[in-house]
């Protein structure tokens, strides 16, 4: 999640939190966004379970 958000920030997306300094690192911004609850991870547990089941099947 952090990696994806850093890539978005590097591509020019606006941060959801105000940078503390003009040269604040994008990683720090992304981590603060997560820490302040501005970003929420959504997980499709059914898809994860299916993927894991597919990986454990014998051929």
N, C-alpha and C. Protein backbone atom coordinates (compact mmCIF):
# COMPACT_ATOMS: atom_id res chain seq x y z
N UNK A 1 0.82 -1.18 0.00
CA UNK A 1 0.00 0.00 0.00
C UNK A 1 0.87 1.26 0.00
N UNK A 2 1.92 1.24 0.81
CA UNK A 2 2.81 2.40 0.87
C UNK A 2 3.50 2.61 -0.46
N UNK A 3 4.00 1.53 -1.04
CA UNK A 3 4.71 1.63 -2.32
C UNK A 3 3.81 2.21 -3.40
N UNK A 4 2.59 1.73 -3.47
CA UNK A 4 1.65 2.23 -4.48
C UNK A 4 1.37 3.72 -4.26
N UNK A 5 1.20 4.12 -3.01
CA UNK A 5 0.90 5.52 -2.72
C UNK A 5 2.10 6.41 -3.04
N UNK A 6 3.31 5.96 -2.75
CA UNK A 6 4.51 6.74 -3.08
C UNK A 6 4.60 6.92 -4.59
N UNK A 7 4.31 5.87 -5.35
CA UNK A 7 4.32 5.98 -6.82
C UNK A 7 3.29 7.00 -7.28
N UNK A 8 2.12 7.01 -6.65
CA UNK A 8 1.09 7.98 -7.02
C UNK A 8 1.55 9.40 -6.71
N UNK A 9 2.17 9.60 -5.56
CA UNK A 9 2.67 10.93 -5.20
C UNK A 9 3.77 11.37 -6.15
N UNK A 10 4.66 10.45 -6.51
CA UNK A 10 5.74 10.77 -7.45
C UNK A 10 5.20 11.10 -8.83
N UNK A 11 4.04 10.53 -9.17
CA UNK A 11 3.42 10.80 -10.48
C UNK A 11 2.65 12.11 -10.49
N UNK A 12 2.58 12.78 -9.33
CA UNK A 12 1.95 14.09 -9.30
C UNK A 12 0.63 14.19 -8.55
N UNK A 13 0.16 13.08 -7.99
CA UNK A 13 -1.08 13.16 -7.21
C UNK A 13 -0.86 14.02 -5.97
N UNK A 14 -1.89 14.73 -5.58
CA UNK A 14 -1.79 15.60 -4.41
C UNK A 14 -1.86 14.77 -3.13
N UNK A 15 -1.07 15.14 -2.13
CA UNK A 15 -1.12 14.42 -0.86
C UNK A 15 -2.40 14.75 -0.10
N UNK A 16 -2.85 13.81 0.72
CA UNK A 16 -4.04 14.00 1.55
C UNK A 16 -3.71 14.73 2.86
N UNK A 17 -2.42 14.90 3.14
CA UNK A 17 -1.97 15.66 4.30
C UNK A 17 -1.03 16.75 3.82
N UNK A 18 -0.95 17.81 4.58
CA UNK A 18 -0.06 18.92 4.22
C UNK A 18 1.38 18.52 4.56
N UNK A 19 2.29 18.62 3.59
CA UNK A 19 3.70 18.32 3.88
C UNK A 19 4.22 19.21 5.00
N UNK A 20 5.05 18.64 5.87
CA UNK A 20 5.61 19.40 6.98
C UNK A 20 6.66 20.39 6.51
N UNK A 21 7.38 20.03 5.45
CA UNK A 21 8.38 20.91 4.84
C UNK A 21 8.23 20.80 3.33
N UNK A 22 8.71 21.79 2.59
CA UNK A 22 8.60 21.73 1.13
C UNK A 22 9.32 20.53 0.51
N UNK A 23 10.36 20.04 1.17
CA UNK A 23 11.14 18.93 0.61
C UNK A 23 10.91 17.61 1.36
N UNK A 24 9.77 17.49 2.05
CA UNK A 24 9.48 16.25 2.78
C UNK A 24 9.41 15.08 1.80
N UNK A 25 10.01 13.98 2.18
CA UNK A 25 10.07 12.79 1.33
C UNK A 25 8.67 12.22 1.10
N UNK A 26 8.43 11.74 -0.11
CA UNK A 26 7.12 11.17 -0.47
C UNK A 26 6.78 9.97 0.41
N UNK A 27 7.77 9.19 0.79
CA UNK A 27 7.55 8.04 1.67
C UNK A 27 7.01 8.50 3.02
N UNK A 28 7.59 9.57 3.56
CA UNK A 28 7.13 10.09 4.85
C UNK A 28 5.70 10.60 4.75
N UNK A 29 5.38 11.25 3.63
CA UNK A 29 4.01 11.74 3.43
C UNK A 29 3.04 10.57 3.38
N UNK A 30 3.38 9.54 2.61
CA UNK A 30 2.51 8.37 2.49
C UNK A 30 2.30 7.69 3.84
N UNK A 31 3.36 7.57 4.62
CA UNK A 31 3.23 6.95 5.95
C UNK A 31 2.37 7.79 6.88
N UNK A 32 2.50 9.12 6.80
CA UNK A 32 1.65 9.98 7.63
C UNK A 32 0.19 9.89 7.19
N UNK A 33 -0.05 9.79 5.87
CA UNK A 33 -1.42 9.63 5.38
C UNK A 33 -2.06 8.38 5.97
N UNK A 34 -1.30 7.30 6.00
CA UNK A 34 -1.81 6.05 6.56
C UNK A 34 -2.00 6.19 8.07
N UNK A 35 -1.02 6.76 8.74
CA UNK A 35 -1.09 6.93 10.19
C UNK A 35 -2.24 7.81 10.63
N UNK A 36 -2.59 8.80 9.82
CA UNK A 36 -3.68 9.70 10.16
C UNK A 36 -5.03 9.19 9.67
N UNK A 37 -5.03 8.00 9.08
CA UNK A 37 -6.29 7.41 8.64
C UNK A 37 -6.84 7.97 7.35
N UNK A 38 -6.01 8.63 6.57
CA UNK A 38 -6.46 9.20 5.29
C UNK A 38 -6.53 8.13 4.20
N UNK A 39 -5.79 7.03 4.37
CA UNK A 39 -5.82 5.91 3.43
C UNK A 39 -6.25 4.66 4.17
N UNK A 40 -7.11 3.89 3.52
CA UNK A 40 -7.60 2.65 4.11
C UNK A 40 -7.41 1.54 3.10
N UNK A 41 -6.84 0.43 3.52
CA UNK A 41 -6.64 -0.72 2.63
C UNK A 41 -7.92 -1.53 2.57
N UNK A 42 -8.33 -1.87 1.36
CA UNK A 42 -9.48 -2.75 1.17
C UNK A 42 -8.95 -4.07 0.64
N UNK A 43 -9.32 -5.15 1.32
CA UNK A 43 -8.84 -6.47 0.94
C UNK A 43 -10.02 -7.36 0.59
N UNK A 44 -9.95 -8.00 -0.57
CA UNK A 44 -10.97 -8.96 -0.98
C UNK A 44 -10.52 -10.33 -0.47
N UNK A 45 -11.00 -10.70 0.70
CA UNK A 45 -10.54 -11.93 1.34
C UNK A 45 -10.92 -13.17 0.54
N UNK A 46 -12.04 -13.11 -0.19
CA UNK A 46 -12.42 -14.25 -1.03
C UNK A 46 -11.39 -14.47 -2.13
N UNK A 47 -10.93 -13.37 -2.74
CA UNK A 47 -9.93 -13.48 -3.79
C UNK A 47 -8.60 -14.00 -3.24
N UNK A 48 -8.24 -13.56 -2.05
CA UNK A 48 -7.00 -14.03 -1.42
C UNK A 48 -7.10 -15.52 -1.14
N UNK A 49 -8.23 -15.95 -0.58
CA UNK A 49 -8.41 -17.37 -0.27
C UNK A 49 -8.38 -18.22 -1.54
N UNK A 50 -9.00 -17.73 -2.61
CA UNK A 50 -9.00 -18.47 -3.88
C UNK A 50 -7.58 -18.57 -4.42
N UNK A 51 -6.83 -17.48 -4.36
CA UNK A 51 -5.45 -17.49 -4.85
C UNK A 51 -4.61 -18.49 -4.04
N UNK A 52 -4.77 -18.47 -2.74
CA UNK A 52 -4.01 -19.41 -1.90
C UNK A 52 -4.40 -20.85 -2.19
N UNK A 53 -5.68 -21.09 -2.41
CA UNK A 53 -6.13 -22.45 -2.74
C UNK A 53 -5.56 -22.89 -4.08
N UNK A 54 -5.53 -21.98 -5.04
CA UNK A 54 -4.98 -22.31 -6.36
C UNK A 54 -3.49 -22.62 -6.28
N UNK A 55 -2.79 -21.95 -5.37
CA UNK A 55 -1.35 -22.15 -5.23
C UNK A 55 -1.02 -23.48 -4.57
N UNK A 56 -1.94 -24.02 -3.80
CA UNK A 56 -1.66 -25.25 -3.06
C UNK A 56 -2.19 -26.50 -3.76
N UNK A 57 -2.86 -26.34 -4.89
CA UNK A 57 -3.38 -27.50 -5.61
C UNK A 57 -2.24 -28.27 -6.26
N UNK A 58 -2.35 -29.59 -6.23
CA UNK A 58 -1.35 -30.45 -6.88
C UNK A 58 -1.73 -30.61 -8.34
N UNK A 59 -0.76 -30.57 -9.20
CA UNK A 59 -1.01 -30.72 -10.63
C UNK A 59 -1.03 -32.17 -11.03
